[in-house]
C-alpha cells in the first residue's frame, strides 16, 4: 500500500512561466496521524508526520518522515517508518529521489533514482535501486512544479486541473492527478503556526485523486483533501485509501530561511 504522502506533501515548486518562488514559503510542518473512517479493515492507527520543504539556489529539497502504528485483524499491530527525500531543479527538468520503508524495524522497500524531463517530449526515470527504467509521457511534471502550477491556475479561476506527475515513490511511473479546487477563502491562522506571516494566508480547499493510467477501471489508487494556503503551506490532510481513511492534524508550523543567491 502506498503511504508516501499524496501530492508529495502538497508542497511547492517552480514551473517555467509561472509565479516566482519568493511568493512561496520554505517551511517545516509536523502533523499527528490518526484513523478516520475505518471501512472495517483497520482497528487503530496513530503516529506522526514531519515535512521539511527547503529552497536552495539551484533547486528545492523535500524531506519527509512518517511513522505510525496500525492494527488490523489480519496482521495485528505493526509499526511503519517511511523516509522520503527528493531534489528538484528550479527549471523543472531534473529530479532525484530516495524512499525507504521499514516495518517492525525491518526494511521492506527501498527506491532510489533520478529522472529528467523535456517539457514537450516527455522524459525518462532511471531507478538504481532496483535497476529499472521507464519512459515519462509528454506533459509529465515533477511534484514541486506541479504544485506551483496548481496554485497559479487556481488563482486564475481554474477549478478542475488534470496533469501527469512523477514523484519516484513507487514503480508505477507517472500518475494522472485530478485536482478540484474551491473558491479562495480569507486567511485564518493555522493552529500550530509560529508566525502569522507563514500561517495566516488566503487558502483553497482542494481534493486530489491519483490514477494509474494503465488501470482502466477509473478507480483512483487513493485520494487526499486538504486546506492549501496560497504560499504552498498545507493545513490538515485527509488521506483516503480503499481500506481506510487517515487524518493528519497540523501540530507545528515554522518558516525556514530562503537562500542568499
C-alpha atoms as a PDB file:
ATOM      1  CA  UNK A   1       0.000   0.000   0.000  1.00  0.00           C
ATOM      2  CA  UNK A   2       1.318   3.436  -0.922  1.00  0.00           C
ATOM      3  CA  UNK A   3       1.747   5.579   2.209  1.00  0.00           C
ATOM      4  CA  UNK A   4       4.039   8.259   0.805  1.00  0.00           C
ATOM      5  CA  UNK A   5       2.129  11.500   1.038  1.00  0.00           C
ATOM      6  CA  UNK A   6      -0.007  12.212  -1.950  1.00  0.00           C
ATOM      7  CA  UNK A   7       0.923  15.449  -3.689  1.00  0.00           C
ATOM      8  CA  UNK A   8       4.335  14.841  -2.075  1.00  0.00           C
ATOM      9  CA  UNK A   9       3.128  16.830   0.892  1.00  0.00           C
ATOM     10  CA  UNK A  10       1.109  19.099  -1.338  1.00  0.00           C
ATOM     11  CA  UNK A  11       4.054  21.404  -1.356  1.00  0.00           C
ATOM     12  CA  UNK A  12       5.607  23.818  -3.728  1.00  0.00           C
ATOM     13  CA  UNK A  13       7.933  24.292  -6.670  1.00  0.00           C
ATOM     14  CA  UNK A  14       8.635  26.353  -9.744  1.00  0.00           C
ATOM     15  CA  UNK A  15       7.444  25.826 -13.303  1.00  0.00           C
ATOM     16  CA  UNK A  16       8.702  27.966 -16.192  1.00  0.00           C
ATOM     17  CA  UNK A  17       6.355  30.830 -16.969  1.00  0.00           C
ATOM     18  CA  UNK A  18       4.603  30.838 -13.594  1.00  0.00           C
ATOM     19  CA  UNK A  19       4.823  32.830 -10.353  1.00  0.00           C
ATOM     20  CA  UNK A  20       8.162  33.483  -8.737  1.00  0.00           C
ATOM     21  CA  UNK A  21       9.396  31.418  -5.795  1.00  0.00           C
ATOM     22  CA  UNK A  22       9.599  34.410  -3.447  1.00  0.00           C
ATOM     23  CA  UNK A  23       5.812  34.108  -3.046  1.00  0.00           C
ATOM     24  CA  UNK A  24       6.243  30.633  -1.562  1.00  0.00           C
ATOM     25  CA  UNK A  25       7.268  29.666   1.933  1.00  0.00           C
ATOM     26  CA  UNK A  26      10.039  27.174   2.779  1.00  0.00           C
ATOM     27  CA  UNK A  27       8.897  25.541   5.995  1.00  0.00           C
ATOM     28  CA  UNK A  28       8.865  22.642   8.428  1.00  0.00           C
ATOM     29  CA  UNK A  29       5.484  21.160   9.347  1.00  0.00           C
ATOM     30  CA  UNK A  30       4.711  18.494  11.956  1.00  0.00           C
ATOM     31  CA  UNK A  31       1.430  16.559  11.970  1.00  0.00           C
ATOM     32  CA  UNK A  32      -0.168  13.960  14.217  1.00  0.00           C
ATOM     33  CA  UNK A  33      -1.754  10.961  12.450  1.00  0.00           C
ATOM     34  CA  UNK A  34      -4.973   9.208  13.412  1.00  0.00           C
ATOM     35  CA  UNK A  35      -7.565   6.856  11.969  1.00  0.00           C
ATOM     36  CA  UNK A  36     -10.535   8.356  10.149  1.00  0.00           C
ATOM     37  CA  UNK A  37     -13.207   6.185   8.518  1.00  0.00           C
ATOM     38  CA  UNK A  38     -12.456   2.547   9.273  1.00  0.00           C
ATOM     39  CA  UNK A  39     -14.281   0.673   6.478  1.00  0.00           C
ATOM     40  CA  UNK A  40     -13.878  -2.489   8.579  1.00  0.00           C
ATOM     41  CA  UNK A  41     -10.200  -3.127   7.793  1.00  0.00           C
ATOM     42  CA  UNK A  42      -8.199  -1.168  10.370  1.00  0.00           C
ATOM     43  CA  UNK A  43      -8.747  -1.262  14.113  1.00  0.00           C
ATOM     44  CA  UNK A  44      -6.418   1.560  15.092  1.00  0.00           C
ATOM     45  CA  UNK A  45      -3.812   3.978  13.746  1.00  0.00           C
ATOM     46  CA  UNK A  46      -1.666   6.666  15.355  1.00  0.00           C
ATOM     47  CA  UNK A  47       1.614   8.312  14.521  1.00  0.00           C
ATOM     48  CA  UNK A  48       3.393  11.415  13.290  1.00  0.00           C
ATOM     49  CA  UNK A  49       4.497  13.049  10.059  1.00  0.00           C
ATOM     50  CA  UNK A  50       7.239  15.675   9.648  1.00  0.00           C
ATOM     51  CA  UNK A  51       7.821  17.523   6.370  1.00  0.00           C
ATOM     52  CA  UNK A  52      10.698  19.875   5.526  1.00  0.00           C
ATOM     53  CA  UNK A  53      10.461  21.813   2.280  1.00  0.00           C
ATOM     54  CA  UNK A  54      13.537  23.966   1.612  1.00  0.00           C
ATOM     55  CA  UNK A  55      14.726  26.215  -1.183  1.00  0.00           C
ATOM     56  CA  UNK A  56      18.310  26.146  -2.455  1.00  0.00           C
ATOM     57  CA  UNK A  57      19.900  28.385  -5.061  1.00  0.00           C
ATOM     58  CA  UNK A  58      19.664  25.699  -7.746  1.00  0.00           C
ATOM     59  CA  UNK A  59      16.503  23.878  -6.681  1.00  0.00           C
ATOM     60  CA  UNK A  60      14.182  22.605  -3.975  1.00  0.00           C
ATOM     61  CA  UNK A  61      14.502  19.782  -1.455  1.00  0.00           C
ATOM     62  CA  UNK A  62      11.797  17.814   0.288  1.00  0.00           C
ATOM     63  CA  UNK A  63      12.451  15.598   3.309  1.00  0.00           C
ATOM     64  CA  UNK A  64       9.564  13.702   4.821  1.00  0.00           C
ATOM     65  CA  UNK A  65       9.278  11.146   7.603  1.00  0.00           C
ATOM     66  CA  UNK A  66       6.098   9.296   8.507  1.00  0.00           C
ATOM     67  CA  UNK A  67       5.985   6.942  11.499  1.00  0.00           C
ATOM     68  CA  UNK A  68       2.813   5.204  12.599  1.00  0.00           C
ATOM     69  CA  UNK A  69       1.403   2.169  14.364  1.00  0.00           C
ATOM     70  CA  UNK A  70      -1.521   0.388  12.727  1.00  0.00           C
ATOM     71  CA  UNK A  71      -3.663  -2.509  13.934  1.00  0.00           C
ATOM     72  CA  UNK A  72      -5.543  -4.832  11.581  1.00  0.00           C
ATOM     73  CA  UNK A  73      -7.312  -8.138  12.105  1.00  0.00           C
ATOM     74  CA  UNK A  74      -5.055  -9.811   9.549  1.00  0.00           C
ATOM     75  CA  UNK A  75      -1.619  -8.614  10.700  1.00  0.00           C
ATOM     76  CA  UNK A  76      -2.159  -7.469  14.280  1.00  0.00           C
ATOM     77  CA  UNK A  77      -0.188  -4.377  15.302  1.00  0.00           C
ATOM     78  CA  UNK A  78       2.639  -3.217  13.025  1.00  0.00           C
ATOM     79  CA  UNK A  79       4.975  -0.224  13.198  1.00  0.00           C
ATOM     80  CA  UNK A  80       5.905   1.507   9.947  1.00  0.00           C
ATOM     81  CA  UNK A  81       8.620   4.093   9.303  1.00  0.00           C
ATOM     82  CA  UNK A  82       8.746   5.787   5.877  1.00  0.00           C
ATOM     83  CA  UNK A  83      11.530   8.149   4.807  1.00  0.00           C
ATOM     84  CA  UNK A  84      11.273  10.063   1.547  1.00  0.00           C
ATOM     85  CA  UNK A  85      13.560  12.744   0.140  1.00  0.00           C
ATOM     86  CA  UNK A  86      13.849  14.487  -3.199  1.00  0.00           C
ATOM     87  CA  UNK A  87      15.609  17.282  -5.042  1.00  0.00           C
ATOM     88  CA  UNK A  88      14.027  19.131  -7.973  1.00  0.00           C
ATOM     89  CA  UNK A  89      15.800  21.678 -10.170  1.00  0.00           C
ATOM     90  CA  UNK A  90      14.217  25.108 -10.465  1.00  0.00           C
ATOM     91  CA  UNK A  91      13.607  24.698 -14.186  1.00  0.00           C
ATOM     92  CA  UNK A  92      11.550  21.554 -13.546  1.00  0.00           C
ATOM     93  CA  UNK A  93      13.674  19.321 -15.791  1.00  0.00           C
ATOM     94  CA  UNK A  94      15.797  17.339 -13.302  1.00  0.00           C
ATOM     95  CA  UNK A  95      14.760  15.291 -10.272  1.00  0.00           C
ATOM     96  CA  UNK A  96      16.286  12.751  -7.898  1.00  0.00           C
ATOM     97  CA  UNK A  97      14.648  10.793  -5.104  1.00  0.00           C
ATOM     98  CA  UNK A  98      15.033   8.142  -2.404  1.00  0.00           C
ATOM     99  CA  UNK A  99      12.477   6.152  -0.417  1.00  0.00           C
ATOM    100  CA  UNK A 100      12.963   3.690   2.432  1.00  0.00           C
ATOM    101  CA  UNK A 101      10.104   1.867   4.107  1.00  0.00           C
ATOM    102  CA  UNK A 102      10.595  -0.178   7.280  1.00  0.00           C
ATOM    103  CA  UNK A 103       8.066  -2.338   9.083  1.00  0.00           C
ATOM    104  CA  UNK A 104       8.674  -3.541  12.626  1.00  0.00           C
ATOM    105  CA  UNK A 105      12.307  -2.491  12.309  1.00  0.00           C
ATOM    106  CA  UNK A 106      12.977  -4.354   9.041  1.00  0.00           C
ATOM    107  CA  UNK A 107      13.475  -2.592   5.708  1.00  0.00           C
ATOM    108  CA  UNK A 108      10.778  -3.858   3.328  1.00  0.00           C
ATOM    109  CA  UNK A 109      11.263  -1.464   0.389  1.00  0.00           C
ATOM    110  CA  UNK A 110      13.944   0.857  -0.960  1.00  0.00           C
ATOM    111  CA  UNK A 111      13.711   3.010  -4.070  1.00  0.00           C
ATOM    112  CA  UNK A 112      16.355   5.341  -5.442  1.00  0.00           C
ATOM    113  CA  UNK A 113      16.855   7.071  -8.747  1.00  0.00           C
ATOM    114  CA  UNK A 114      16.689  10.174 -10.896  1.00  0.00           C
ATOM    115  CA  UNK A 115      14.574  11.487 -13.731  1.00  0.00           C
ATOM    116  CA  UNK A 116      14.768  14.099 -16.472  1.00  0.00           C
ATOM    117  CA  UNK A 117      12.037  15.872 -18.415  1.00  0.00           C
ATOM    118  CA  UNK A 118      11.700  17.814 -21.610  1.00  0.00           C
ATOM    119  CA  UNK A 119       8.530  19.955 -21.426  1.00  0.00           C
ATOM    120  CA  UNK A 120       7.475  18.938 -24.945  1.00  0.00           C
ATOM    121  CA  UNK A 121       8.896  15.442 -25.400  1.00  0.00           C
ATOM    122  CA  UNK A 122       8.438  13.783 -22.018  1.00  0.00           C
ATOM    123  CA  UNK A 123      11.360  12.145 -20.255  1.00  0.00           C
ATOM    124  CA  UNK A 124      12.853   9.124 -18.524  1.00  0.00           C
ATOM    125  CA  UNK A 125      13.122   7.847 -14.964  1.00  0.00           C
ATOM    126  CA  UNK A 126      16.096   5.650 -14.070  1.00  0.00           C
ATOM    127  CA  UNK A 127      15.884   3.661 -10.841  1.00  0.00           C
ATOM    128  CA  UNK A 128      19.217   2.445  -9.485  1.00  0.00           C
ATOM    129  CA  UNK A 129      17.617   0.510  -6.622  1.00  0.00           C
ATOM    130  CA  UNK A 130      16.032  -1.622  -8.037  1.00  0.00           C
ATOM    131  CA  UNK A 131      17.553  -1.268 -11.513  1.00  0.00           C
ATOM    132  CA  UNK A 132      14.802  -0.340 -13.948  1.00  0.00           C
ATOM    133  CA  UNK A 133      13.910   2.407 -16.404  1.00  0.00           C
ATOM    134  CA  UNK A 134      10.614   3.888 -17.557  1.00  0.00           C
ATOM    135  CA  UNK A 135       9.511   6.474 -20.052  1.00  0.00           C
ATOM    136  CA  UNK A 136       7.595   9.513 -18.823  1.00  0.00           C
ATOM    137  CA  UNK A 137       4.932  10.757 -21.247  1.00  0.00           C
ATOM    138  CA  UNK A 138       4.898  14.297 -22.683  1.00  0.00           C
ATOM    139  CA  UNK A 139       3.305  16.730 -20.268  1.00  0.00           C
ATOM    140  CA  UNK A 140       4.586  14.935 -17.148  1.00  0.00           C
ATOM    141  CA  UNK A 141       5.608  17.211 -14.282  1.00  0.00           C
ATOM    142  CA  UNK A 142       7.657  16.709 -11.147  1.00  0.00           C
ATOM    143  CA  UNK A 143       5.847  17.301  -7.825  1.00  0.00           C
ATOM    144  CA  UNK A 144       7.018  20.787  -6.909  1.00  0.00           C
ATOM    145  CA  UNK A 145       6.469  22.205 -10.392  1.00  0.00           C
ATOM    146  CA  UNK A 146       3.038  20.572 -10.406  1.00  0.00           C
ATOM    147  CA  UNK A 147       2.100  22.104  -7.073  1.00  0.00           C
ATOM    148  CA  UNK A 148       3.024  25.612  -8.164  1.00  0.00           C
ATOM    149  CA  UNK A 149       1.119  25.145 -11.405  1.00  0.00           C
ATOM    150  CA  UNK A 150      -1.955  24.200  -9.383  1.00  0.00           C
ATOM    151  CA  UNK A 151      -1.647  27.308  -7.221  1.00  0.00           C
ATOM    152  CA  UNK A 152      -1.310  29.571 -10.229  1.00  0.00           C
ATOM    153  CA  UNK A 153      -4.219  28.035 -12.129  1.00  0.00           C
ATOM    154  CA  UNK A 154      -6.425  28.087  -9.024  1.00  0.00           C
ATOM    155  CA  UNK A 155      -5.557  31.765  -8.504  1.00  0.00           C
ATOM    156  CA  UNK A 156      -6.659  32.352 -12.084  1.00  0.00           C
ATOM    157  CA  UNK A 157     -10.033  30.727 -11.506  1.00  0.00           C
ATOM    158  CA  UNK A 158      -9.449  27.138 -12.650  1.00  0.00           C
ATOM    159  CA  UNK A 159     -11.351  24.639 -10.529  1.00  0.00           C
ATOM    160  CA  UNK A 160     -10.567  21.255 -12.139  1.00  0.00           C
ATOM    161  CA  UNK A 161      -6.960  20.558 -13.175  1.00  0.00           C
ATOM    162  CA  UNK A 162      -5.579  17.298 -14.624  1.00  0.00           C
ATOM    163  CA  UNK A 163      -1.850  16.597 -15.017  1.00  0.00           C
ATOM    164  CA  UNK A 164       0.541  13.623 -15.075  1.00  0.00           C
ATOM    165  CA  UNK A 165       3.005  13.673 -12.164  1.00  0.00           C
ATOM    166  CA  UNK A 166       6.090  11.580 -11.382  1.00  0.00           C
ATOM    167  CA  UNK A 167       7.441  11.532  -7.803  1.00  0.00           C
ATOM    168  CA  UNK A 168       9.505   8.320  -7.636  1.00  0.00           C
ATOM    169  CA  UNK A 169       7.611   6.998  -4.618  1.00  0.00           C
ATOM    170  CA  UNK A 170       6.579   3.807  -6.452  1.00  0.00           C
ATOM    171  CA  UNK A 171       7.461   1.861  -9.603  1.00  0.00           C
ATOM    172  CA  UNK A 172       4.128   2.845 -11.155  1.00  0.00           C
ATOM    173  CA  UNK A 173       5.651   5.689 -13.170  1.00  0.00           C
ATOM    174  CA  UNK A 174       3.734   8.916 -13.714  1.00  0.00           C
ATOM    175  CA  UNK A 175       0.232   9.035 -12.222  1.00  0.00           C
ATOM    176  CA  UNK A 176      -2.690  11.044 -13.567  1.00  0.00           C
ATOM    177  CA  UNK A 177      -3.655  13.543 -10.874  1.00  0.00           C
ATOM    178  CA  UNK A 178      -7.028  15.281 -10.865  1.00  0.00           C
ATOM    179  CA  UNK A 179      -7.303  18.296  -8.548  1.00  0.00           C
ATOM    180  CA  UNK A 180     -10.590  20.011  -7.697  1.00  0.00           C
ATOM    181  CA  UNK A 181     -10.400  23.440  -6.034  1.00  0.00           C
ATOM    182  CA  UNK A 182     -12.975  25.516  -4.181  1.00  0.00           C
ATOM    183  CA  UNK A 183     -13.079  29.303  -4.362  1.00  0.00           C
ATOM    184  CA  UNK A 184     -10.360  31.141  -2.476  1.00  0.00           C
ATOM    185  CA  UNK A 185     -11.117  31.700   1.218  1.00  0.00           C
ATOM    186  CA  UNK A 186      -9.949  34.537   3.526  1.00  0.00           C
ATOM    187  CA  UNK A 187      -6.894  33.888   5.649  1.00  0.00           C
ATOM    188  CA  UNK A 188      -7.345  32.249   9.047  1.00  0.00           C
ATOM    189  CA  UNK A 189      -4.434  31.488  11.358  1.00  0.00           C
ATOM    190  CA  UNK A 190      -3.433  27.826  11.175  1.00  0.00           C
ATOM    191  CA  UNK A 191      -3.256  26.158  14.562  1.00  0.00           C
ATOM    192  CA  UNK A 192       0.366  25.395  15.339  1.00  0.00           C
ATOM    193  CA  UNK A 193       1.779  28.159  13.132  1.00  0.00           C
ATOM    194  CA  UNK A 194       4.587  30.064  14.818  1.00  0.00           C
ATOM    195  CA  UNK A 195       4.012  33.354  12.980  1.00  0.00           C
ATOM    196  CA  UNK A 196       1.091  34.870  11.024  1.00  0.00           C
ATOM    197  CA  UNK A 197       3.462  35.578   8.107  1.00  0.00           C
ATOM    198  CA  UNK A 198       3.515  31.872   7.285  1.00  0.00           C
ATOM    199  CA  UNK A 199       0.292  30.578   8.837  1.00  0.00           C
ATOM    200  CA  UNK A 200      -2.330  33.245   8.123  1.00  0.00           C
ATOM    201  CA  UNK A 201      -2.852  33.365   4.371  1.00  0.00           C
ATOM    202  CA  UNK A 202      -5.771  33.051   1.943  1.00  0.00           C
ATOM    203  CA  UNK A 203      -6.442  29.400   1.180  1.00  0.00           C
ATOM    204  CA  UNK A 204      -8.197  26.937  -1.087  1.00  0.00           C
ATOM    205  CA  UNK A 205      -9.866  23.655  -0.243  1.00  0.00           C
ATOM    206  CA  UNK A 206      -8.555  21.081  -2.686  1.00  0.00           C
ATOM    207  CA  UNK A 207      -9.362  17.427  -3.326  1.00  0.00           C
ATOM    208  CA  UNK A 208      -6.963  15.314  -5.360  1.00  0.00           C
ATOM    209  CA  UNK A 209      -7.337  11.848  -6.893  1.00  0.00           C
ATOM    210  CA  UNK A 210      -4.392   9.759  -8.128  1.00  0.00           C
ATOM    211  CA  UNK A 211      -4.924   7.327 -11.015  1.00  0.00           C
ATOM    212  CA  UNK A 212      -2.667   4.744 -12.617  1.00  0.00           C
ATOM    213  CA  UNK A 213      -3.069   5.416 -16.361  1.00  0.00           C
ATOM    214  CA  UNK A 214      -2.851   1.660 -17.071  1.00  0.00           C
ATOM    215  CA  UNK A 215      -5.865   0.941 -14.836  1.00  0.00           C
ATOM    216  CA  UNK A 216      -8.971   1.188 -16.995  1.00  0.00           C
ATOM    217  CA  UNK A 217     -11.446   0.814 -14.113  1.00  0.00           C
ATOM    218  CA  UNK A 218     -11.462   4.544 -13.443  1.00  0.00           C
ATOM    219  CA  UNK A 219     -10.844   3.941  -9.739  1.00  0.00           C
ATOM    220  CA  UNK A 220      -8.156   6.098  -8.092  1.00  0.00           C
ATOM    221  CA  UNK A 221      -5.324   4.452  -6.162  1.00  0.00           C
ATOM    222  CA  UNK A 222      -6.030   6.938  -3.362  1.00  0.00           C
ATOM    223  CA  UNK A 223      -7.401  10.432  -2.759  1.00  0.00           C
ATOM    224  CA  UNK A 224      -6.495  13.289  -0.477  1.00  0.00           C
ATOM    225  CA  UNK A 225      -8.123  16.528   0.613  1.00  0.00           C
ATOM    226  CA  UNK A 226      -6.610  19.487   2.430  1.00  0.00           C
ATOM    227  CA  UNK A 227      -6.613  23.191   3.085  1.00  0.00           C
ATOM    228  CA  UNK A 228      -3.894  24.710   0.915  1.00  0.00           C
ATOM    229  CA  UNK A 229      -2.594  28.218   1.615  1.00  0.00           C
ATOM    230  CA  UNK A 230      -1.572  30.433  -1.287  1.00  0.00           C
ATOM    231  CA  UNK A 231       2.050  30.276  -0.100  1.00  0.00           C
ATOM    232  CA  UNK A 232       2.116  26.493  -0.605  1.00  0.00           C
ATOM    233  CA  UNK A 233       1.687  25.523   3.051  1.00  0.00           C
ATOM    234  CA  UNK A 234      -0.823  22.726   3.595  1.00  0.00           C
ATOM    235  CA  UNK A 235      -3.061  22.533   6.653  1.00  0.00           C
ATOM    236  CA  UNK A 236      -4.746  19.386   7.883  1.00  0.00           C
ATOM    237  CA  UNK A 237      -4.940  16.468   5.437  1.00  0.00           C
ATOM    238  CA  UNK A 238      -7.318  13.572   4.931  1.00  0.00           C
ATOM    239  CA  UNK A 239      -5.914  10.586   3.013  1.00  0.00           C
ATOM    240  CA  UNK A 240      -8.468   8.162   1.607  1.00  0.00           C
ATOM    241  CA  UNK A 241      -7.285   4.640   0.823  1.00  0.00           C
ATOM    242  CA  UNK A 242      -9.584   1.802  -0.306  1.00  0.00           C
ATOM    243  CA  UNK A 243      -9.373   0.149   3.138  1.00  0.00           C
ATOM    244  CA  UNK A 244      -9.444   3.155   5.475  1.00  0.00           C
ATOM    245  CA  UNK A 245      -9.001   6.906   5.884  1.00  0.00           C
ATOM    246  CA  UNK A 246      -6.047   8.536   7.655  1.00  0.00           C
ATOM    247  CA  UNK A 247      -6.139  12.044   9.097  1.00  0.00           C
ATOM    248  CA  UNK A 248      -3.123  14.323   9.574  1.00  0.00           C
ATOM    249  CA  UNK A 249      -3.578  17.217  12.005  1.00  0.00           C
ATOM    250  CA  UNK A 250      -1.125  20.110  11.909  1.00  0.00           C
ATOM    251  CA  UNK A 251       0.633  20.478  15.261  1.00  0.00           C
ATOM    252  CA  UNK A 252       3.507  22.854  14.483  1.00  0.00           C
ATOM    253  CA  UNK A 253       4.487  25.028  11.524  1.00  0.00           C
ATOM    254  CA  UNK A 254       7.625  27.137  11.269  1.00  0.00           C
ATOM    255  CA  UNK A 255       9.330  29.069   8.494  1.00  0.00           C
ATOM    256  CA  UNK A 256      12.696  28.011   7.070  1.00  0.00           C
ATOM    257  CA  UNK A 257      15.130  30.581   5.646  1.00  0.00           C
ATOM    258  CA  UNK A 258      15.375  31.383   1.970  1.00  0.00           C
ATOM    259  CA  UNK A 259      18.796  31.100   0.320  1.00  0.00           C
ATOM    260  CA  UNK A 260      21.025  34.075  -0.464  1.00  0.00           C
ATOM    261  CA  UNK A 261      21.924  33.505  -4.082  1.00  0.00           C
END
